[in-house]
C-alpha atoms as a PDB file:
ATOM      1  CA  MET A   1       0.000   0.000   0.000  1.00  0.00           C
ATOM      2  CA  GLU A   2       1.206   3.486  -0.767  1.00  0.00           C
ATOM      3  CA  ASN A   3       0.132   6.971   0.259  1.00  0.00           C
ATOM      4  CA  PHE A   4      -1.437   6.111   3.583  1.00  0.00           C
ATOM      5  CA  ILE A   5      -1.703   7.750   6.983  1.00  0.00           C
ATOM      6  CA  ILE A   6      -2.178   5.729  10.150  1.00  0.00           C
ATOM      7  CA  HIS A   7      -3.057   7.339  13.472  1.00  0.00           C
ATOM      8  CA  ILE A   8      -2.773   5.374  16.701  1.00  0.00           C
ATOM      9  CA  PHE A   9      -4.544   7.632  19.167  1.00  0.00           C
ATOM     10  CA  GLY A  10      -3.614   7.559  22.833  1.00  0.00           C
ATOM     11  CA  TYR A  11      -7.297   7.644  23.776  1.00  0.00           C
ATOM     12  CA  GLY A  12      -7.778   4.183  22.285  1.00  0.00           C
ATOM     13  CA  GLU A  13      -8.594   4.270  18.579  1.00  0.00           C
ATOM     14  CA  THR A  14      -6.562   3.452  15.488  1.00  0.00           C
ATOM     15  CA  GLN A  15      -7.360   4.871  12.063  1.00  0.00           C
ATOM     16  CA  ILE A  16      -6.021   4.416   8.562  1.00  0.00           C
ATOM     17  CA  ASN A  17      -6.730   6.610   5.562  1.00  0.00           C
ATOM     18  CA  SER A  18      -5.590   5.823   2.039  1.00  0.00           C
ATOM     19  CA  GLU A  19      -7.026   5.809  -1.437  1.00  0.00           C
ATOM     20  CA  SER A  20      -8.301   2.255  -0.985  1.00  0.00           C
ATOM     21  CA  LEU A  21      -8.947   1.998   2.759  1.00  0.00           C
ATOM     22  CA  SER A  22     -10.484   4.192   5.428  1.00  0.00           C
ATOM     23  CA  VAL A  23     -11.410   2.691   8.785  1.00  0.00           C
ATOM     24  CA  LYS A  24     -11.245   3.595  12.488  1.00  0.00           C
ATOM     25  CA  VAL A  25     -11.439   0.926  15.206  1.00  0.00           C
ATOM     26  CA  ALA A  26     -10.786   0.495  18.906  1.00  0.00           C
ATOM     27  CA  THR A  27      -7.063  -0.074  19.359  1.00  0.00           C
ATOM     28  CA  ASP A  28      -7.589  -2.823  21.927  1.00  0.00           C
ATOM     29  CA  THR A  29      -9.316  -4.955  19.269  1.00  0.00           C
ATOM     30  CA  LEU A  30      -6.143  -5.067  17.149  1.00  0.00           C
ATOM     31  CA  THR A  31      -3.496  -7.708  17.796  1.00  0.00           C
ATOM     32  CA  THR A  32      -0.785  -6.136  15.640  1.00  0.00           C
ATOM     33  CA  VAL A  33      -0.757  -2.611  17.051  1.00  0.00           C
ATOM     34  CA  ASN A  34       1.218  -3.307  20.262  1.00  0.00           C
ATOM     35  CA  PRO A  35       4.196  -4.888  18.486  1.00  0.00           C
ATOM     36  CA  LEU A  36       4.298  -1.825  16.215  1.00  0.00           C
ATOM     37  CA  ILE A  37       4.097   0.582  19.170  1.00  0.00           C
ATOM     38  CA  GLN A  38       6.899  -1.320  20.903  1.00  0.00           C
ATOM     39  CA  GLY A  39       8.979  -1.308  17.718  1.00  0.00           C
ATOM     40  CA  ILE A  40       8.588   2.451  17.317  1.00  0.00           C
ATOM     41  CA  TYR A  41       9.291   3.082  20.988  1.00  0.00           C
ATOM     42  CA  ALA A  42      12.507   1.055  20.702  1.00  0.00           C
ATOM     43  CA  LYS A  43      13.733   3.644  18.161  1.00  0.00           C
ATOM     44  CA  LYS A  44      13.426   6.639  20.507  1.00  0.00           C
ATOM     45  CA  PRO A  45      16.640   8.492  21.299  1.00  0.00           C
ATOM     46  CA  ALA A  46      18.323   7.181  24.447  1.00  0.00           C
ATOM     47  CA  ASP A  47      18.220  10.601  26.123  1.00  0.00           C
ATOM     48  CA  ASN A  48      14.470  11.045  25.500  1.00  0.00           C
ATOM     49  CA  PRO A  49      12.466  10.654  28.754  1.00  0.00           C
ATOM     50  CA  THR A  50       9.235   9.576  26.998  1.00  0.00           C
ATOM     51  CA  VAL A  51       7.602   6.446  28.411  1.00  0.00           C
ATOM     52  CA  ILE A  52       5.766   3.940  26.230  1.00  0.00           C
ATOM     53  CA  THR A  53       2.331   4.722  27.665  1.00  0.00           C
ATOM     54  CA  ASP A  54       2.815   8.464  27.165  1.00  0.00           C
ATOM     55  CA  PHE A  55       1.578   9.520  23.742  1.00  0.00           C
ATOM     56  CA  HIS A  56      -1.167  11.678  22.349  1.00  0.00           C
ATOM     57  CA  ALA A  57      -0.908   9.953  18.987  1.00  0.00           C
ATOM     58  CA  ILE A  58       1.512   8.013  16.850  1.00  0.00           C
ATOM     59  CA  ASN A  59       1.269   9.157  13.249  1.00  0.00           C
ATOM     60  CA  LEU A  60       2.638   7.124  10.362  1.00  0.00           C
ATOM     61  CA  PHE A  61       2.957   8.874   7.023  1.00  0.00           C
ATOM     62  CA  ASP A  62       3.617   5.992   4.682  1.00  0.00           C
ATOM     63  CA  TYR A  63       6.536   3.813   5.718  1.00  0.00           C
ATOM     64  CA  ASN A  64       9.219   6.453   6.003  1.00  0.00           C
ATOM     65  CA  ASP A  65       7.886   9.037   8.482  1.00  0.00           C
ATOM     66  CA  VAL A  66       6.730   8.014  11.948  1.00  0.00           C
ATOM     67  CA  ARG A  67       5.987  10.626  14.606  1.00  0.00           C
ATOM     68  CA  TRP A  68       5.505   9.842  18.287  1.00  0.00           C
ATOM     69  CA  MET A  69       3.406  12.760  19.499  1.00  0.00           C
ATOM     70  CA  SER A  70       3.837  13.539  23.198  1.00  0.00           C
ATOM     71  CA  GLU A  71       5.449  16.153  25.403  1.00  0.00           C
ATOM     72  CA  ASN A  72       8.837  14.636  24.548  1.00  0.00           C
ATOM     73  CA  GLY A  73       7.935  13.314  21.123  1.00  0.00           C
ATOM     74  CA  PHE A  74      10.346  11.962  18.554  1.00  0.00           C
ATOM     75  CA  ASP A  75      10.436  11.019  14.882  1.00  0.00           C
ATOM     76  CA  VAL A  76      11.616   7.864  13.155  1.00  0.00           C
ATOM     77  CA  LYS A  77      12.563   8.257   9.506  1.00  0.00           C
ATOM     78  CA  ASN A  78      13.179   5.563   6.902  1.00  0.00           C
ATOM     79  CA  ASP A  79      13.477   2.586   9.242  1.00  0.00           C
ATOM     80  CA  ALA A  80      13.135  -0.625   7.228  1.00  0.00           C
ATOM     81  CA  ASN A  81      12.715  -2.690  10.408  1.00  0.00           C
ATOM     82  CA  LEU A  82       9.290  -1.119  11.002  1.00  0.00           C
ATOM     83  CA  ILE A  83       7.920  -2.010   7.539  1.00  0.00           C
ATOM     84  CA  PRO A  84       6.850  -5.593   8.392  1.00  0.00           C
ATOM     85  CA  LEU A  85       5.123  -4.369  11.558  1.00  0.00           C
ATOM     86  CA  ILE A  86       3.342  -1.628   9.619  1.00  0.00           C
ATOM     87  CA  ASN A  87       2.293  -4.142   6.958  1.00  0.00           C
ATOM     88  CA  ASP A  88       0.886  -6.437   9.647  1.00  0.00           C
ATOM     89  CA  LEU A  89      -1.244  -3.595  11.007  1.00  0.00           C
ATOM     90  CA  ILE A  90      -2.428  -2.596   7.526  1.00  0.00           C
ATOM     91  CA  ALA A  91      -3.440  -6.201   6.796  1.00  0.00           C
ATOM     92  CA  GLU A  92      -5.373  -6.407  10.055  1.00  0.00           C
ATOM     93  CA  LEU A  93      -7.120  -3.083   9.364  1.00  0.00           C
ATOM     94  CA  GLU A  94      -8.054  -4.339   5.885  1.00  0.00           C
ATOM     95  CA  THR A  95      -9.559  -7.468   7.429  1.00  0.00           C
ATOM     96  CA  VAL A  96     -11.526  -5.397   9.934  1.00  0.00           C
ATOM     97  CA  SER A  97     -12.773  -3.134   7.157  1.00  0.00           C
ATOM     98  CA  ASN A  98     -13.839  -6.094   5.011  1.00  0.00           C
ATOM     99  CA  ASN A  99     -15.776  -7.591   7.912  1.00  0.00           C
ATOM    100  CA  GLN A 100     -17.665  -4.453   8.903  1.00  0.00           C
ATOM    101  CA  PRO A 101     -21.338  -4.391   7.978  1.00  0.00           C
ATOM    102  CA  ALA A 102     -22.256  -2.163   5.085  1.00  0.00           C
ATOM    103  CA  VAL A 103     -23.742   1.183   6.043  1.00  0.00           C
ATOM    104  CA  ALA A 104     -27.098   1.947   4.476  1.00  0.00           C
ATOM    105  CA  PRO A 105     -27.134   5.179   2.489  1.00  0.00           C
ATOM    106  CA  GLN A 106     -28.852   8.151   4.128  1.00  0.00           C
ATOM    107  CA  VAL A 107     -32.154   8.997   2.470  1.00  0.00           C
END
């Protein structure tokens, strides 16, 4: 997938927007989000005091721009090790989207 934005919100929802997929779900229903969060957190600078539970949002702009949004936020750029974790989350979000009931059009 290309040209996507994923938001993992600290209040408990995860959302993806792309040309082919747009869905928002409760984060705690996703099995692949915690490994991704842990993988991103592992990339934080050693002198950064941020703790793993402390984020407003984690924003992923495609594969090459990840932003941990908090008081002591940090960015991760072009990290190939995160790509499989991102792909796992995208695949799970696609499955969730495919299994959601269709919404009747407003009349």
